[in-house]
Amino acid sequence: MTPTPTPLTTQTAAQSTQAVLDEIDGMLRDILDEYGLDDAEIAMDTRFHDDLELESIDLVTLASKLEAHYGSQVNFAEFIADLELDQIISLTVGQLVDYVAAALTAERKD
């Protein structure tokens, strides 16, 4: 008999969100290190464009890192496909963290 997965509690969700933030923080620091900016503050409200000054090529690099780490369950291109240009420009780390955490949670439910 297969054990029934435990429902995701608020505390577990918060821990999951923090874990995803920490992982994305590390990925971003790798990218920023190339520019000598690895000491930048990265929080949920940090904006990729305005705060971290990431360009589209950097987002492609981030997408590759996300796929390498999480596999196909996290699809950055799919995530931004429905966004308008101004939404992409104002995209925050928190929005990406929320997407990744939700994708991982959905994967566990399947």
N, C-alpha and C. Protein backbone atom coordinates (compact mmCIF):
# COMPACT_ATOMS: atom_id res chain seq x y z
N MET A 1 0.84 -1.18 0.00
CA MET A 1 0.00 0.00 0.00
C MET A 1 0.89 1.24 0.00
N THR A 2 0.58 2.18 -0.87
CA THR A 2 1.34 3.42 -0.97
C THR A 2 0.88 4.38 0.10
N PRO A 3 1.85 4.97 0.86
CA PRO A 3 1.45 5.92 1.90
C PRO A 3 0.84 7.17 1.28
N THR A 4 -0.17 7.70 1.97
CA THR A 4 -0.81 8.93 1.53
C THR A 4 0.08 10.10 1.93
N PRO A 5 0.39 11.00 0.96
CA PRO A 5 1.23 12.14 1.32
C PRO A 5 0.53 13.04 2.33
N THR A 6 1.31 13.60 3.23
CA THR A 6 0.74 14.52 4.21
C THR A 6 0.41 15.83 3.53
N PRO A 7 -0.71 16.44 3.89
CA PRO A 7 -1.06 17.72 3.29
C PRO A 7 0.00 18.77 3.63
N LEU A 8 0.19 19.68 2.73
CA LEU A 8 1.16 20.75 2.93
C LEU A 8 0.59 21.74 3.94
N THR A 9 1.20 21.82 5.11
CA THR A 9 0.74 22.75 6.13
C THR A 9 1.30 24.14 5.86
N THR A 10 0.76 25.13 6.54
CA THR A 10 1.26 26.49 6.37
C THR A 10 2.73 26.57 6.75
N GLN A 11 3.11 25.90 7.84
CA GLN A 11 4.50 25.92 8.25
C GLN A 11 5.38 25.24 7.20
N THR A 12 4.94 24.10 6.69
CA THR A 12 5.71 23.41 5.66
C THR A 12 5.80 24.27 4.41
N ALA A 13 4.72 24.94 4.04
CA ALA A 13 4.73 25.82 2.88
C ALA A 13 5.73 26.96 3.09
N ALA A 14 5.75 27.52 4.29
CA ALA A 14 6.69 28.60 4.59
C ALA A 14 8.13 28.09 4.52
N GLN A 15 8.35 26.89 5.06
CA GLN A 15 9.69 26.30 4.99
C GLN A 15 10.07 26.04 3.54
N SER A 16 9.12 25.55 2.75
CA SER A 16 9.35 25.29 1.34
C SER A 16 9.69 26.58 0.60
N THR A 17 8.93 27.64 0.88
CA THR A 17 9.18 28.93 0.25
C THR A 17 10.57 29.44 0.62
N GLN A 18 10.95 29.31 1.88
CA GLN A 18 12.28 29.76 2.30
C GLN A 18 13.37 28.93 1.64
N ALA A 19 13.16 27.63 1.52
CA ALA A 19 14.14 26.77 0.86
C ALA A 19 14.30 27.16 -0.60
N VAL A 20 13.19 27.42 -1.28
CA VAL A 20 13.24 27.83 -2.69
C VAL A 20 13.94 29.18 -2.80
N LEU A 21 13.62 30.12 -1.91
CA LEU A 21 14.29 31.43 -1.92
C LEU A 21 15.79 31.25 -1.76
N ASP A 22 16.20 30.40 -0.84
CA ASP A 22 17.63 30.16 -0.63
C ASP A 22 18.29 29.58 -1.87
N GLU A 23 17.60 28.64 -2.53
CA GLU A 23 18.17 28.02 -3.74
C GLU A 23 18.27 29.03 -4.88
N ILE A 24 17.23 29.83 -5.06
CA ILE A 24 17.24 30.84 -6.13
C ILE A 24 18.27 31.92 -5.81
N ASP A 25 18.39 32.27 -4.55
CA ASP A 25 19.41 33.23 -4.12
C ASP A 25 20.79 32.75 -4.57
N GLY A 26 21.08 31.46 -4.35
CA GLY A 26 22.37 30.90 -4.76
C GLY A 26 22.57 30.97 -6.27
N MET A 27 21.53 30.67 -7.02
CA MET A 27 21.61 30.73 -8.48
C MET A 27 21.88 32.15 -8.95
N LEU A 28 21.16 33.10 -8.34
CA LEU A 28 21.35 34.51 -8.71
C LEU A 28 22.74 35.00 -8.35
N ARG A 29 23.25 34.56 -7.21
CA ARG A 29 24.60 34.97 -6.81
C ARG A 29 25.64 34.45 -7.78
N ASP A 30 25.43 33.25 -8.32
CA ASP A 30 26.34 32.73 -9.34
C ASP A 30 26.35 33.63 -10.57
N ILE A 31 25.16 34.07 -10.97
CA ILE A 31 25.05 34.95 -12.14
C ILE A 31 25.66 36.31 -11.83
N LEU A 32 25.33 36.86 -10.67
CA LEU A 32 25.82 38.19 -10.30
C LEU A 32 27.32 38.21 -10.07
N ASP A 33 27.87 37.07 -9.67
CA ASP A 33 29.31 36.97 -9.43
C ASP A 33 30.11 37.29 -10.69
N GLU A 34 29.53 36.96 -11.84
CA GLU A 34 30.20 37.26 -13.10
C GLU A 34 30.38 38.76 -13.31
N TYR A 35 29.52 39.55 -12.67
CA TYR A 35 29.59 41.01 -12.77
C TYR A 35 30.24 41.64 -11.53
N GLY A 36 30.69 40.81 -10.61
CA GLY A 36 31.26 41.31 -9.38
C GLY A 36 30.22 41.87 -8.42
N LEU A 37 28.97 41.41 -8.55
CA LEU A 37 27.88 41.94 -7.74
C LEU A 37 27.29 40.88 -6.81
N ASP A 38 28.08 39.90 -6.42
CA ASP A 38 27.54 38.79 -5.64
C ASP A 38 27.16 39.18 -4.22
N ASP A 39 27.41 40.43 -3.81
CA ASP A 39 27.03 40.88 -2.48
C ASP A 39 25.69 41.63 -2.48
N ALA A 40 24.99 41.61 -3.60
CA ALA A 40 23.69 42.29 -3.71
C ALA A 40 22.69 41.66 -2.74
N GLU A 41 21.81 42.50 -2.21
CA GLU A 41 20.76 41.99 -1.32
C GLU A 41 19.65 41.37 -2.17
N ILE A 42 19.31 40.13 -1.84
CA ILE A 42 18.26 39.42 -2.58
C ILE A 42 17.18 39.04 -1.58
N ALA A 43 15.98 39.56 -1.81
CA ALA A 43 14.82 39.29 -0.95
C ALA A 43 13.62 39.04 -1.85
N MET A 44 12.49 38.73 -1.24
CA MET A 44 11.28 38.44 -2.01
C MET A 44 10.86 39.62 -2.89
N ASP A 45 11.09 40.86 -2.43
CA ASP A 45 10.66 42.03 -3.20
C ASP A 45 11.73 42.57 -4.15
N THR A 46 12.86 41.89 -4.24
CA THR A 46 13.93 42.31 -5.14
C THR A 46 13.48 42.12 -6.58
N ARG A 47 13.65 43.15 -7.38
CA ARG A 47 13.26 43.07 -8.79
C ARG A 47 14.48 42.70 -9.64
N PHE A 48 14.25 41.79 -10.57
CA PHE A 48 15.34 41.31 -11.42
C PHE A 48 15.96 42.44 -12.24
N HIS A 49 15.13 43.27 -12.82
CA HIS A 49 15.63 44.32 -13.71
C HIS A 49 16.12 45.54 -12.93
N ASP A 50 15.25 46.13 -12.13
CA ASP A 50 15.58 47.39 -11.46
C ASP A 50 16.62 47.23 -10.35
N ASP A 51 16.50 46.17 -9.55
CA ASP A 51 17.40 46.03 -8.41
C ASP A 51 18.68 45.26 -8.73
N LEU A 52 18.54 44.18 -9.49
CA LEU A 52 19.70 43.34 -9.81
C LEU A 52 20.32 43.67 -11.16
N GLU A 53 19.61 44.49 -11.94
CA GLU A 53 20.07 44.92 -13.26
C GLU A 53 20.36 43.75 -14.19
N LEU A 54 19.53 42.70 -14.09
CA LEU A 54 19.72 41.54 -14.96
C LEU A 54 19.14 41.84 -16.34
N GLU A 55 19.82 41.39 -17.35
CA GLU A 55 19.37 41.51 -18.73
C GLU A 55 18.70 40.22 -19.16
N SER A 56 18.13 40.20 -20.34
CA SER A 56 17.42 39.02 -20.81
C SER A 56 18.34 37.80 -20.89
N ILE A 57 19.59 37.99 -21.26
CA ILE A 57 20.52 36.85 -21.33
C ILE A 57 20.75 36.26 -19.94
N ASP A 58 20.71 37.10 -18.91
CA ASP A 58 20.85 36.62 -17.54
C ASP A 58 19.63 35.79 -17.14
N LEU A 59 18.46 36.18 -17.61
CA LEU A 59 17.26 35.41 -17.32
C LEU A 59 17.30 34.05 -18.02
N VAL A 60 17.90 34.01 -19.20
CA VAL A 60 18.08 32.73 -19.90
C VAL A 60 19.01 31.84 -19.08
N THR A 61 20.08 32.42 -18.55
CA THR A 61 21.00 31.67 -17.69
C THR A 61 20.28 31.17 -16.45
N LEU A 62 19.46 32.02 -15.84
CA LEU A 62 18.69 31.62 -14.67
C LEU A 62 17.73 30.49 -15.02
N ALA A 63 17.09 30.58 -16.17
CA ALA A 63 16.17 29.52 -16.61
C ALA A 63 16.92 28.18 -16.73
N SER A 64 18.12 28.22 -17.25
CA SER A 64 18.93 27.00 -17.36
C SER A 64 19.28 26.44 -15.99
N LYS A 65 19.63 27.31 -15.07
CA LYS A 65 19.97 26.87 -13.72
C LYS A 65 18.74 26.27 -13.02
N LEU A 66 17.58 26.89 -13.23
CA LEU A 66 16.34 26.37 -12.63
C LEU A 66 16.04 24.97 -13.18
N GLU A 67 16.18 24.80 -14.49
CA GLU A 67 15.90 23.50 -15.09
C GLU A 67 16.91 22.44 -14.63
N ALA A 68 18.18 22.84 -14.53
CA ALA A 68 19.20 21.89 -14.08
C ALA A 68 18.93 21.45 -12.64
N HIS A 69 18.45 22.37 -11.82
CA HIS A 69 18.22 22.07 -10.41
C HIS A 69 16.89 21.34 -10.16
N TYR A 70 15.83 21.82 -10.78
CA TYR A 70 14.49 21.29 -10.50
C TYR A 70 13.95 20.35 -11.57
N GLY A 71 14.59 20.31 -12.72
CA GLY A 71 14.09 19.47 -13.80
C GLY A 71 12.94 20.15 -14.53
N SER A 72 12.19 19.37 -15.28
CA SER A 72 11.15 19.92 -16.14
C SER A 72 9.92 20.43 -15.39
N GLN A 73 9.82 20.11 -14.10
CA GLN A 73 8.65 20.57 -13.35
C GLN A 73 8.64 22.08 -13.15
N VAL A 74 9.79 22.74 -13.29
CA VAL A 74 9.88 24.19 -13.20
C VAL A 74 10.29 24.71 -14.57
N ASN A 75 9.36 25.36 -15.26
CA ASN A 75 9.58 25.84 -16.61
C ASN A 75 9.49 27.36 -16.62
N PHE A 76 10.64 28.01 -16.56
CA PHE A 76 10.69 29.47 -16.49
C PHE A 76 10.08 30.12 -17.73
N ALA A 77 10.34 29.55 -18.90
CA ALA A 77 9.78 30.11 -20.13
C ALA A 77 8.25 30.08 -20.10
N GLU A 78 7.70 28.99 -19.60
CA GLU A 78 6.25 28.87 -19.47
C GLU A 78 5.71 29.90 -18.45
N PHE A 79 6.48 30.10 -17.38
CA PHE A 79 6.09 31.04 -16.34
C PHE A 79 5.95 32.46 -16.88
N ILE A 80 6.92 32.90 -17.70
CA ILE A 80 6.88 34.28 -18.18
C ILE A 80 6.11 34.44 -19.49
N ALA A 81 5.73 33.33 -20.11
CA ALA A 81 5.06 33.40 -21.41
C ALA A 81 3.76 34.20 -21.38
N ASP A 82 3.03 34.13 -20.28
CA ASP A 82 1.75 34.85 -20.20
C ASP A 82 1.88 36.26 -19.65
N LEU A 83 3.09 36.69 -19.35
CA LEU A 83 3.29 38.02 -18.79
C LEU A 83 3.48 39.06 -19.89
N GLU A 84 3.01 40.26 -19.63
CA GLU A 84 3.26 41.39 -20.52
C GLU A 84 4.68 41.88 -20.28
N LEU A 85 5.23 42.64 -21.22
CA LEU A 85 6.61 43.12 -21.11
C LEU A 85 6.83 43.90 -19.81
N ASP A 86 5.90 44.79 -19.45
CA ASP A 86 6.08 45.57 -18.23
C ASP A 86 6.04 44.67 -16.98
N GLN A 87 5.30 43.57 -17.04
CA GLN A 87 5.28 42.62 -15.92
C GLN A 87 6.60 41.87 -15.81
N ILE A 88 7.19 41.56 -16.95
CA ILE A 88 8.49 40.89 -16.95
C ILE A 88 9.55 41.83 -16.40
N ILE A 89 9.50 43.08 -16.82
CA ILE A 89 10.48 44.07 -16.35
C ILE A 89 10.36 44.28 -14.85
N SER A 90 9.15 44.23 -14.31
CA SER A 90 8.97 44.45 -12.87
C SER A 90 8.92 43.15 -12.06
N LEU A 91 9.27 42.03 -12.67
CA LEU A 91 9.25 40.72 -12.01
C LEU A 91 10.14 40.71 -10.76
N THR A 92 9.60 40.16 -9.68
CA THR A 92 10.36 40.09 -8.43
C THR A 92 10.82 38.66 -8.17
N VAL A 93 11.81 38.56 -7.33
CA VAL A 93 12.30 37.25 -6.89
C VAL A 93 11.16 36.49 -6.22
N GLY A 94 10.34 37.18 -5.45
CA GLY A 94 9.22 36.55 -4.75
C GLY A 94 8.23 35.92 -5.70
N GLN A 95 7.96 36.58 -6.83
CA GLN A 95 7.05 35.99 -7.81
C GLN A 95 7.61 34.68 -8.35
N LEU A 96 8.91 34.67 -8.62
CA LEU A 96 9.54 33.44 -9.11
C LEU A 96 9.54 32.37 -8.02
N VAL A 97 9.85 32.75 -6.80
CA VAL A 97 9.85 31.81 -5.68
C VAL A 97 8.46 31.19 -5.52
N ASP A 98 7.43 32.02 -5.57
CA ASP A 98 6.06 31.51 -5.43
C ASP A 98 5.73 30.53 -6.55
N TYR A 99 6.14 30.86 -7.77
CA TYR A 99 5.90 29.96 -8.91
C TYR A 99 6.61 28.63 -8.71
N VAL A 100 7.88 28.67 -8.34
CA VAL A 100 8.65 27.44 -8.15
C VAL A 100 8.06 26.61 -7.02
N ALA A 101 7.74 27.24 -5.89
CA ALA A 101 7.16 26.51 -4.76
C ALA A 101 5.83 25.85 -5.16
N ALA A 102 5.01 26.58 -5.93
CA ALA A 102 3.74 26.02 -6.39
C ALA A 102 3.96 24.86 -7.36
N ALA A 103 4.94 25.00 -8.25
CA ALA A 103 5.23 23.93 -9.21
C ALA A 103 5.72 22.67 -8.48
N LEU A 104 6.55 22.87 -7.46
CA LEU A 104 7.05 21.72 -6.70
C LEU A 104 5.93 21.07 -5.90
N THR A 105 5.03 21.87 -5.33
CA THR A 105 3.89 21.35 -4.60
C THR A 105 2.96 20.57 -5.52
N ALA A 106 2.71 21.11 -6.71
CA ALA A 106 1.86 20.42 -7.69
C ALA A 106 2.48 19.10 -8.09
N GLU A 107 3.79 19.07 -8.23
CA GLU A 107 4.50 17.84 -8.60
C GLU A 107 4.31 16.78 -7.54
N ARG A 108 4.35 17.21 -6.26
CA ARG A 108 4.16 16.24 -5.16
C ARG A 108 2.75 15.67 -5.13
N LYS A 109 1.77 16.47 -5.58
CA LYS A 109 0.37 16.03 -5.56
C LYS A 109 0.07 15.04 -6.67
N ASP A 110 0.83 15.12 -7.79
CA ASP A 110 0.57 14.24 -8.93
C ASP A 110 0.94 12.80 -8.69
